[in-house]
């Protein structure tokens, strides 16, 4: 596997069935892999110049959605193609006819995905009737958006969090994607207004090197969610924040200015009343 291959994360997550690297060389490489690569090329072309709120190239988002599906055990090149192309029709000038090369099944997945976002296309209380592959695609899309929600305005984060708890978490349970549903629930809860300890932990995590931040943050938020009492959650968050400079130093990053800002935020939250924790 070429280290410079932009599809390397997806091929690694998919494993032998897609990249054909098995000991017997009998993986379905060839046409399915060609279509997945072609879908990435088309997405990269049409999203060229677009950026996420994080500043990352936009194409990193559809690639991440495809990786999430592969990590969940999806062994279907059509849904991976749809994942890579899922924002092309709505967020670029690409005409639908340009995607016909991927076949009617991929086009049907893209139309179904768009229908879930159309207020007149499928009522929220009937979203459980959507094609299971479309639903899996939508859940993976929402999961990656929540993983990167820290770059969104607070009001938008809160709206997406409430929508996720109301619609997407139950849908994940019905689809049998319990792991996705649990992470959606944890991330959505962390982004609800008034969850001071969650915000403290997220704010303090900026002290850590970027390569380690996501892993530590996911573990800490999971532990925080398991703590039943507001006071205990605030104490846990405060303890983490106070220990972050040492961890940051051990991981190779220390920024006094960032730490001072985080400490000021901590002082403002420790005395917060019960309704805020």
Protein backbone atom coordinates (compact mmCIF):
# COMPACT_ATOMS: atom_id res chain seq x y z
CA UNK A 1 0.00 0.00 0.00
CA UNK A 2 1.49 3.30 -1.14
CA UNK A 3 2.15 5.65 1.79
CA UNK A 4 1.29 8.62 -0.39
CA UNK A 5 -2.06 7.16 -1.45
CA UNK A 6 -4.87 9.49 -0.28
CA UNK A 7 -7.11 6.43 0.06
CA UNK A 8 -4.69 4.72 2.42
CA UNK A 9 -6.88 5.27 5.55
CA UNK A 10 -9.88 3.78 3.74
CA UNK A 11 -7.96 0.82 2.34
CA UNK A 12 -6.52 0.12 5.77
CA UNK A 13 -9.98 0.26 7.37
CA UNK A 14 -11.59 -1.87 4.65
CA UNK A 15 -8.92 -4.54 4.73
CA UNK A 16 -8.35 -7.35 2.27
CA UNK A 17 -11.85 -7.49 0.75
CA UNK A 18 -11.34 -4.18 -1.06
CA UNK A 19 -7.61 -3.84 -1.67
CA UNK A 20 -6.94 -7.44 -2.62
CA UNK A 21 -3.82 -7.71 -0.44
CA UNK A 22 -4.75 -11.08 1.06
CA UNK A 23 -2.30 -14.00 1.04
CA UNK A 24 -4.19 -15.63 -1.83
CA UNK A 25 -4.61 -12.41 -3.78
CA UNK A 26 -8.33 -13.15 -4.10
CA UNK A 27 -9.78 -9.88 -2.78
CA UNK A 28 -12.26 -8.24 -5.16
CA UNK A 29 -9.74 -5.69 -6.35
CA UNK A 30 -10.27 -4.50 -9.87
CA UNK A 31 -13.58 -2.90 -10.76
CA UNK A 32 -14.88 -2.21 -7.21
CA UNK A 33 -11.55 -0.69 -6.15
CA UNK A 34 -11.34 1.25 -9.42
CA UNK A 35 -14.78 2.74 -8.78
CA UNK A 36 -13.88 3.69 -5.20
CA UNK A 37 -10.70 5.38 -6.41
CA UNK A 38 -12.64 7.10 -9.17
CA UNK A 39 -15.23 8.32 -6.65
CA UNK A 40 -12.45 9.87 -4.58
CA UNK A 41 -10.95 11.53 -7.66
CA UNK A 42 -14.34 13.00 -8.64
CA UNK A 43 -14.99 14.22 -5.07
CA UNK A 44 -11.51 15.77 -4.83
CA UNK A 45 -12.02 17.51 -8.18
CA UNK A 46 -15.40 19.05 -7.34
CA UNK A 47 -14.48 19.95 -3.75
CA UNK A 48 -11.16 21.45 -4.82
CA UNK A 49 -10.62 24.77 -3.03
CA UNK A 50 -13.36 24.14 -0.47
CA UNK A 51 -12.47 24.04 3.22
CA UNK A 52 -14.08 22.70 6.35
CA UNK A 53 -14.63 25.00 9.35
CA UNK A 54 -11.45 23.43 10.73
CA UNK A 55 -9.48 24.69 7.74
CA UNK A 56 -8.91 21.17 6.40
CA UNK A 57 -9.58 20.47 2.70
CA UNK A 58 -13.25 19.58 2.35
CA UNK A 59 -12.53 16.23 0.72
CA UNK A 60 -11.18 14.99 4.06
CA UNK A 61 -14.80 14.86 5.28
CA UNK A 62 -16.27 12.44 2.71
CA UNK A 63 -13.14 10.33 3.02
CA UNK A 64 -13.61 10.20 6.81
CA UNK A 65 -17.26 9.17 6.34
CA UNK A 66 -16.18 6.30 4.08
CA UNK A 67 -13.57 5.25 6.65
CA UNK A 68 -16.20 5.20 9.43
CA UNK A 69 -18.38 2.87 7.33
CA UNK A 70 -15.44 0.58 6.58
CA UNK A 71 -14.52 0.49 10.28
CA UNK A 72 -18.09 -0.64 11.03
CA UNK A 73 -17.57 -3.67 8.81
CA UNK A 74 -19.30 -2.40 5.66
CA UNK A 75 -18.16 -4.58 2.75
CA UNK A 76 -19.95 -2.79 -0.06
CA UNK A 77 -18.05 -0.68 -2.59
CA UNK A 78 -21.24 1.10 -3.70
CA UNK A 79 -21.90 2.67 -0.32
CA UNK A 80 -18.22 3.63 -0.07
CA UNK A 81 -18.53 5.39 -3.43
CA UNK A 82 -21.69 7.13 -2.21
CA UNK A 83 -19.89 8.19 0.98
CA UNK A 84 -17.10 9.78 -1.04
CA UNK A 85 -19.61 11.57 -3.28
CA UNK A 86 -22.33 12.40 -0.76
CA UNK A 87 -21.81 16.19 -0.72
CA UNK A 88 -20.86 16.71 -4.36
CA UNK A 89 -24.37 17.33 -5.68
CA UNK A 90 -25.46 19.75 -2.95
CA UNK A 91 -22.22 21.58 -2.21
CA UNK A 92 -20.66 21.94 -5.66
CA UNK A 93 -21.76 22.73 -9.21
CA UNK A 94 -21.50 19.08 -10.25
CA UNK A 95 -24.55 18.00 -12.30
CA UNK A 96 -26.10 14.66 -11.46
CA UNK A 97 -25.35 13.35 -14.95
CA UNK A 98 -21.62 13.57 -14.18
CA UNK A 99 -22.00 10.78 -11.63
CA UNK A 100 -23.82 8.33 -13.89
CA UNK A 101 -20.59 6.38 -14.41
CA UNK A 102 -20.96 4.97 -10.87
CA UNK A 103 -24.19 3.14 -11.72
CA UNK A 104 -27.81 3.38 -10.71
CA UNK A 105 -27.33 1.79 -7.28
CA UNK A 106 -24.85 4.49 -6.21
CA UNK A 107 -27.14 7.18 -7.64
CA UNK A 108 -30.06 5.74 -5.67
CA UNK A 109 -28.00 5.94 -2.48
CA UNK A 110 -27.14 9.58 -3.18
CA UNK A 111 -30.79 10.43 -3.89
CA UNK A 112 -31.87 8.67 -0.70
CA UNK A 113 -29.23 10.55 1.29
CA UNK A 114 -30.46 13.87 -0.07
CA UNK A 115 -34.06 12.92 0.70
CA UNK A 116 -33.20 12.56 4.39
CA UNK A 117 -32.11 16.21 4.39
CA UNK A 118 -35.16 17.41 2.46
CA UNK A 119 -37.89 18.57 4.88
CA UNK A 120 -40.50 17.57 2.30
CA UNK A 121 -38.80 14.39 1.23
CA UNK A 122 -39.08 12.18 4.28
CA UNK A 123 -40.71 13.23 7.57
CA UNK A 124 -38.44 12.85 10.62
CA UNK A 125 -40.75 10.26 12.20
CA UNK A 126 -40.42 8.08 9.09
CA UNK A 127 -36.64 8.16 8.75
CA UNK A 128 -36.46 4.64 10.11
CA UNK A 129 -38.03 3.51 6.82
CA UNK A 130 -35.06 4.67 4.76
CA UNK A 131 -32.88 2.15 2.95
CA UNK A 132 -30.57 0.68 5.58
CA UNK A 133 -27.52 1.62 3.51
CA UNK A 134 -28.74 5.21 3.20
CA UNK A 135 -29.31 5.31 6.95
CA UNK A 136 -25.82 3.94 7.63
CA UNK A 137 -24.37 6.62 5.33
CA UNK A 138 -26.31 9.37 7.10
CA UNK A 139 -25.23 8.14 10.54
CA UNK A 140 -21.56 8.05 9.48
CA UNK A 141 -21.88 11.57 8.08
CA UNK A 142 -23.39 12.88 11.32
CA UNK A 143 -20.77 11.06 13.39
CA UNK A 144 -17.88 12.73 11.61
CA UNK A 145 -19.62 16.11 11.76
CA UNK A 146 -19.97 15.72 15.53
CA UNK A 147 -16.37 14.62 15.90
CA UNK A 148 -15.38 17.95 14.37
CA UNK A 149 -18.20 20.05 15.89
CA UNK A 150 -15.77 22.06 18.02
CA UNK A 151 -15.08 24.23 14.97
CA UNK A 152 -18.76 25.25 14.61
CA UNK A 153 -20.53 28.18 16.29
CA UNK A 154 -22.01 27.20 19.65
CA UNK A 155 -25.63 27.65 18.55
CA UNK A 156 -25.15 25.34 15.58
CA UNK A 157 -23.40 22.75 17.74
CA UNK A 158 -26.31 22.79 20.17
CA UNK A 159 -28.89 22.41 17.40
CA UNK A 160 -27.05 19.47 15.88
CA UNK A 161 -26.62 17.89 19.31
CA UNK A 162 -30.34 18.02 20.07
CA UNK A 163 -31.23 16.69 16.63
CA UNK A 164 -28.73 13.87 17.05
CA UNK A 165 -30.19 12.75 20.38
CA UNK A 166 -33.74 12.98 19.06
CA UNK A 167 -33.30 11.31 15.66
CA UNK A 168 -29.91 9.80 15.00
CA UNK A 169 -29.17 7.92 18.22
CA UNK A 170 -32.49 5.99 18.08
CA UNK A 171 -31.96 5.36 14.35
CA UNK A 172 -28.51 3.90 15.05
CA UNK A 173 -30.06 1.50 17.55
CA UNK A 174 -32.69 0.38 15.05
CA UNK A 175 -29.99 -0.11 12.41
CA UNK A 176 -27.95 -2.31 14.74
CA UNK A 177 -25.07 0.20 14.82
CA UNK A 178 -24.79 0.34 18.59
CA UNK A 179 -21.17 1.51 18.61
CA UNK A 180 -21.99 4.42 16.31
CA UNK A 181 -25.09 5.23 18.35
CA UNK A 182 -23.14 5.30 21.60
CA UNK A 183 -20.50 7.63 20.20
CA UNK A 184 -23.21 9.86 18.71
CA UNK A 185 -24.93 10.03 22.10
CA UNK A 186 -21.70 10.84 23.92
CA UNK A 187 -20.63 13.55 21.47
CA UNK A 188 -24.11 15.08 21.28
CA UNK A 189 -24.41 15.23 25.05
CA UNK A 190 -21.02 16.92 25.25
CA UNK A 191 -22.19 19.63 22.84
CA UNK A 192 -25.45 20.50 24.62
CA UNK A 193 -25.65 23.96 26.20
CA UNK A 194 -24.99 24.08 29.92
CA UNK A 195 -22.56 21.16 30.01
CA UNK A 196 -19.73 23.12 31.57
CA UNK A 197 -17.50 20.14 32.47
CA UNK A 198 -17.61 18.88 28.88
CA UNK A 199 -16.65 22.29 27.55
CA UNK A 200 -13.84 22.53 30.09
CA UNK A 201 -12.35 19.23 29.02
CA UNK A 202 -12.61 20.11 25.33
CA UNK A 203 -11.05 23.51 25.94
CA UNK A 204 -8.21 22.06 28.02
CA UNK A 205 -7.47 19.43 25.39
CA UNK A 206 -6.06 22.11 23.07
CA UNK A 207 -2.94 21.95 25.23
CA UNK A 208 -2.22 18.48 23.86
CA UNK A 209 -0.40 17.73 20.59
CA UNK A 210 -2.85 17.35 17.76
CA UNK A 211 -1.87 13.75 17.03
CA UNK A 212 -2.87 12.65 20.54
CA UNK A 213 -5.73 15.06 21.26
CA UNK A 214 -8.61 13.11 19.72
CA UNK A 215 -7.75 9.83 21.44
CA UNK A 216 -7.44 11.38 24.90
CA UNK A 217 -10.51 13.56 24.42
CA UNK A 218 -12.72 10.61 23.44
CA UNK A 219 -11.57 8.63 26.49
CA UNK A 220 -12.10 11.55 28.87
CA UNK A 221 -15.55 12.41 27.51
CA UNK A 222 -16.59 8.77 27.85
CA UNK A 223 -15.43 8.71 31.49
CA UNK A 224 -17.12 12.03 32.15
CA UNK A 225 -20.39 10.77 30.74
CA UNK A 226 -20.28 7.75 33.06
CA UNK A 227 -20.07 9.95 36.19
CA UNK A 228 -23.60 10.38 37.60
CA UNK A 229 -23.40 13.58 39.67
CA UNK A 230 -22.89 17.20 38.51
CA UNK A 231 -20.46 18.00 41.32
CA UNK A 232 -18.45 14.87 40.62
CA UNK A 233 -18.30 15.72 36.92
CA UNK A 234 -17.02 19.22 37.70
CA UNK A 235 -14.35 17.79 40.01
CA UNK A 236 -13.31 15.25 37.39
CA UNK A 237 -13.04 17.97 34.72
CA UNK A 238 -11.07 20.22 37.06
CA UNK A 239 -8.67 17.41 37.89
CA UNK A 240 -8.09 16.68 34.23
CA UNK A 241 -7.49 20.31 33.42
CA UNK A 242 -5.00 20.72 36.25
CA UNK A 243 -3.12 17.65 35.06
CA UNK A 244 -3.03 18.60 31.39
CA UNK A 245 0.18 20.68 31.52
CA UNK A 246 2.14 17.66 32.75
CA UNK A 247 0.56 15.44 30.10
CA UNK A 248 1.21 18.04 27.40
CA UNK A 249 4.85 18.28 28.47
CA UNK A 250 5.19 14.50 28.41
CA UNK A 251 3.69 14.40 24.92
CA UNK A 252 6.00 17.13 23.70
CA UNK A 253 3.88 20.26 23.80
CA UNK A 254 3.74 23.06 26.35
CA UNK A 255 2.10 26.42 25.77
CA UNK A 256 1.89 28.75 28.77
CA UNK A 257 -0.54 31.13 27.05
CA UNK A 258 -2.99 28.35 26.22
CA UNK A 259 -2.74 27.00 29.76
CA UNK A 260 -3.45 30.44 31.24
CA UNK A 261 -6.59 30.78 29.13
CA UNK A 262 -7.77 27.31 30.14
CA UNK A 263 -7.10 28.06 33.81
CA UNK A 264 -9.17 31.24 33.64
CA UNK A 265 -12.01 29.23 32.11
CA UNK A 266 -11.69 26.69 34.91
CA UNK A 267 -11.93 29.36 37.60
CA UNK A 268 -15.09 30.66 36.00
CA UNK A 269 -16.72 27.23 35.95
CA UNK A 270 -15.84 25.65 39.28
CA UNK A 271 -18.40 27.73 41.12
CA UNK A 272 -21.15 27.15 38.55
CA UNK A 273 -24.52 26.18 40.02
CA UNK A 274 -26.27 22.83 39.59
CA UNK A 275 -28.28 23.90 36.57
CA UNK A 276 -25.16 24.40 34.51
CA UNK A 277 -23.31 21.14 35.11
